[in-house]
Amino acid sequence: MRYDGVDVEVREGETIAAALFRAGLEPRYFCGIGVCFACLVTVNGQPAQRACLAEAHPGDEVSSS
């Protein structure tokens, strides 16, 4: 997965937020259950995806905007 131009290793079954947190990138993350919408990211051109719920996949392009 690539996040704002940075390569991030992903593990099978983990969310985008978990992968970013594990990589030390500190995503915008608050509730962890998709209620607060603090973790919205764009995934493969699809805006407003919740990083705490969206599964991370190798090759995904994720941006904070």
N, C-alpha and C. Protein backbone atom coordinates (compact mmCIF):
# COMPACT_ATOMS: atom_id res chain seq x y z
N MET A 1 0.85 -1.16 0.00
CA MET A 1 0.00 0.00 0.00
C MET A 1 0.90 1.23 0.00
N ARG A 2 0.42 2.26 -0.64
CA ARG A 2 1.13 3.55 -0.63
C ARG A 2 0.24 4.59 0.02
N TYR A 3 0.77 5.32 0.99
CA TYR A 3 0.03 6.35 1.70
C TYR A 3 0.74 7.69 1.54
N ASP A 4 0.11 8.60 0.86
CA ASP A 4 0.71 9.92 0.61
C ASP A 4 2.15 9.79 0.10
N GLY A 5 2.37 8.84 -0.79
CA GLY A 5 3.67 8.65 -1.42
C GLY A 5 4.66 7.79 -0.65
N VAL A 6 4.26 7.28 0.51
CA VAL A 6 5.13 6.45 1.34
C VAL A 6 4.67 5.00 1.26
N ASP A 7 5.59 4.07 0.98
CA ASP A 7 5.25 2.65 0.95
C ASP A 7 5.01 2.15 2.37
N VAL A 8 3.91 1.43 2.56
CA VAL A 8 3.54 0.89 3.86
C VAL A 8 3.27 -0.60 3.70
N GLU A 9 3.91 -1.41 4.52
CA GLU A 9 3.67 -2.86 4.51
C GLU A 9 2.30 -3.13 5.08
N VAL A 10 1.57 -4.03 4.45
CA VAL A 10 0.26 -4.42 4.97
C VAL A 10 0.26 -5.91 5.29
N ARG A 11 -0.49 -6.26 6.30
CA ARG A 11 -0.66 -7.66 6.69
C ARG A 11 -2.07 -8.09 6.33
N GLU A 12 -2.21 -9.35 6.01
CA GLU A 12 -3.52 -9.87 5.61
C GLU A 12 -4.56 -9.61 6.70
N GLY A 13 -5.68 -9.02 6.29
CA GLY A 13 -6.79 -8.80 7.20
C GLY A 13 -6.72 -7.54 8.03
N GLU A 14 -5.65 -6.76 7.92
CA GLU A 14 -5.57 -5.56 8.75
C GLU A 14 -6.19 -4.36 8.04
N THR A 15 -6.64 -3.41 8.84
CA THR A 15 -7.24 -2.22 8.27
C THR A 15 -6.16 -1.23 7.85
N ILE A 16 -6.56 -0.27 7.06
CA ILE A 16 -5.63 0.79 6.65
C ILE A 16 -5.11 1.52 7.88
N ALA A 17 -5.98 1.87 8.81
CA ALA A 17 -5.56 2.58 10.02
C ALA A 17 -4.54 1.77 10.81
N ALA A 18 -4.74 0.46 10.93
CA ALA A 18 -3.81 -0.39 11.67
C ALA A 18 -2.45 -0.42 10.98
N ALA A 19 -2.44 -0.52 9.66
CA ALA A 19 -1.18 -0.54 8.92
C ALA A 19 -0.44 0.77 9.09
N LEU A 20 -1.16 1.89 9.03
CA LEU A 20 -0.53 3.20 9.19
C LEU A 20 0.01 3.37 10.60
N PHE A 21 -0.76 2.96 11.58
CA PHE A 21 -0.32 3.06 12.97
C PHE A 21 0.92 2.22 13.21
N ARG A 22 0.92 0.98 12.69
CA ARG A 22 2.07 0.09 12.86
C ARG A 22 3.31 0.65 12.19
N ALA A 23 3.12 1.37 11.07
CA ALA A 23 4.24 1.96 10.35
C ALA A 23 4.73 3.26 10.99
N GLY A 24 4.06 3.70 12.05
CA GLY A 24 4.47 4.92 12.74
C GLY A 24 4.02 6.19 12.05
N LEU A 25 3.02 6.08 11.18
CA LEU A 25 2.56 7.26 10.44
C LEU A 25 1.44 8.00 11.15
N GLU A 26 0.95 7.46 12.26
CA GLU A 26 -0.06 8.13 13.08
C GLU A 26 -1.21 8.69 12.26
N PRO A 27 -2.07 7.84 11.79
CA PRO A 27 -3.23 8.35 11.03
C PRO A 27 -4.18 9.12 11.94
N ARG A 28 -5.04 9.91 11.33
CA ARG A 28 -6.11 10.54 12.10
C ARG A 28 -7.01 9.40 12.54
N TYR A 29 -7.07 9.16 13.81
CA TYR A 29 -7.72 7.96 14.32
C TYR A 29 -8.27 8.27 15.69
N PHE A 30 -9.55 8.00 15.90
CA PHE A 30 -10.13 8.32 17.20
C PHE A 30 -10.93 7.16 17.77
N CYS A 31 -12.07 6.83 17.14
CA CYS A 31 -12.96 5.83 17.76
C CYS A 31 -12.61 4.39 17.39
N GLY A 32 -12.13 4.17 16.17
CA GLY A 32 -11.76 2.83 15.75
C GLY A 32 -12.91 1.93 15.33
N ILE A 33 -14.13 2.47 15.33
CA ILE A 33 -15.29 1.65 14.95
C ILE A 33 -16.15 2.29 13.85
N GLY A 34 -15.64 3.34 13.22
CA GLY A 34 -16.34 3.95 12.10
C GLY A 34 -17.44 4.91 12.45
N VAL A 35 -17.49 5.37 13.69
CA VAL A 35 -18.55 6.27 14.11
C VAL A 35 -18.17 7.74 13.97
N CYS A 36 -16.92 8.08 14.24
CA CYS A 36 -16.55 9.50 14.33
C CYS A 36 -16.11 10.12 13.01
N PHE A 37 -15.74 9.34 12.02
CA PHE A 37 -15.31 9.81 10.71
C PHE A 37 -14.01 10.63 10.76
N ALA A 38 -13.22 10.50 11.82
CA ALA A 38 -11.95 11.23 11.92
C ALA A 38 -10.89 10.65 11.00
N CYS A 39 -11.06 9.42 10.54
CA CYS A 39 -10.02 8.72 9.80
C CYS A 39 -10.30 8.65 8.29
N LEU A 40 -11.12 9.56 7.76
CA LEU A 40 -11.47 9.50 6.35
C LEU A 40 -10.24 9.68 5.46
N VAL A 41 -10.12 8.80 4.48
CA VAL A 41 -9.03 8.84 3.50
C VAL A 41 -9.61 8.56 2.12
N THR A 42 -8.80 8.81 1.09
CA THR A 42 -9.17 8.44 -0.27
C THR A 42 -8.42 7.15 -0.60
N VAL A 43 -9.15 6.14 -1.06
CA VAL A 43 -8.55 4.84 -1.37
C VAL A 43 -8.81 4.53 -2.84
N ASN A 44 -7.73 4.41 -3.59
CA ASN A 44 -7.83 4.11 -5.03
C ASN A 44 -8.83 5.02 -5.74
N GLY A 45 -8.77 6.31 -5.40
CA GLY A 45 -9.62 7.30 -6.04
C GLY A 45 -11.01 7.44 -5.44
N GLN A 46 -11.36 6.61 -4.48
CA GLN A 46 -12.67 6.66 -3.83
C GLN A 46 -12.56 7.49 -2.54
N PRO A 47 -13.14 8.71 -2.53
CA PRO A 47 -13.02 9.56 -1.34
C PRO A 47 -13.88 9.08 -0.18
N ALA A 48 -13.61 9.63 0.98
CA ALA A 48 -14.41 9.44 2.19
C ALA A 48 -14.52 7.98 2.63
N GLN A 49 -13.41 7.26 2.59
CA GLN A 49 -13.36 5.88 3.09
C GLN A 49 -12.84 5.92 4.53
N ARG A 50 -13.43 5.14 5.41
CA ARG A 50 -12.99 5.11 6.81
C ARG A 50 -11.81 4.15 6.95
N ALA A 51 -10.65 4.70 7.28
CA ALA A 51 -9.43 3.90 7.39
C ALA A 51 -9.53 2.86 8.49
N CYS A 52 -10.33 3.11 9.50
CA CYS A 52 -10.46 2.15 10.61
C CYS A 52 -11.31 0.94 10.23
N LEU A 53 -12.05 1.03 9.12
CA LEU A 53 -12.89 -0.09 8.69
C LEU A 53 -12.42 -0.71 7.38
N ALA A 54 -11.74 0.06 6.54
CA ALA A 54 -11.33 -0.42 5.21
C ALA A 54 -10.12 -1.33 5.31
N GLU A 55 -10.23 -2.51 4.71
CA GLU A 55 -9.11 -3.45 4.71
C GLU A 55 -8.00 -2.95 3.79
N ALA A 56 -6.77 -3.07 4.24
CA ALA A 56 -5.61 -2.66 3.46
C ALA A 56 -5.19 -3.79 2.53
N HIS A 57 -4.81 -3.43 1.31
CA HIS A 57 -4.35 -4.42 0.34
C HIS A 57 -3.07 -3.92 -0.31
N PRO A 58 -2.15 -4.84 -0.62
CA PRO A 58 -0.96 -4.44 -1.37
C PRO A 58 -1.39 -3.77 -2.68
N GLY A 59 -0.73 -2.70 -3.04
CA GLY A 59 -1.05 -2.00 -4.27
C GLY A 59 -2.08 -0.90 -4.11
N ASP A 60 -2.75 -0.81 -2.95
CA ASP A 60 -3.70 0.28 -2.73
C ASP A 60 -2.97 1.62 -2.74
N GLU A 61 -3.62 2.62 -3.30
CA GLU A 61 -3.15 4.01 -3.25
C GLU A 61 -4.06 4.75 -2.28
N VAL A 62 -3.51 5.19 -1.16
CA VAL A 62 -4.28 5.85 -0.12
C VAL A 62 -3.73 7.24 0.09
N SER A 63 -4.62 8.22 0.21
CA SER A 63 -4.16 9.58 0.50
C SER A 63 -5.00 10.18 1.61
N SER A 64 -4.38 11.10 2.34
CA SER A 64 -5.04 11.72 3.49
C SER A 64 -6.04 12.77 3.06
N SER A 65 -6.03 13.16 1.80
CA SER A 65 -6.95 14.20 1.35
C SER A 65 -8.18 13.63 0.71
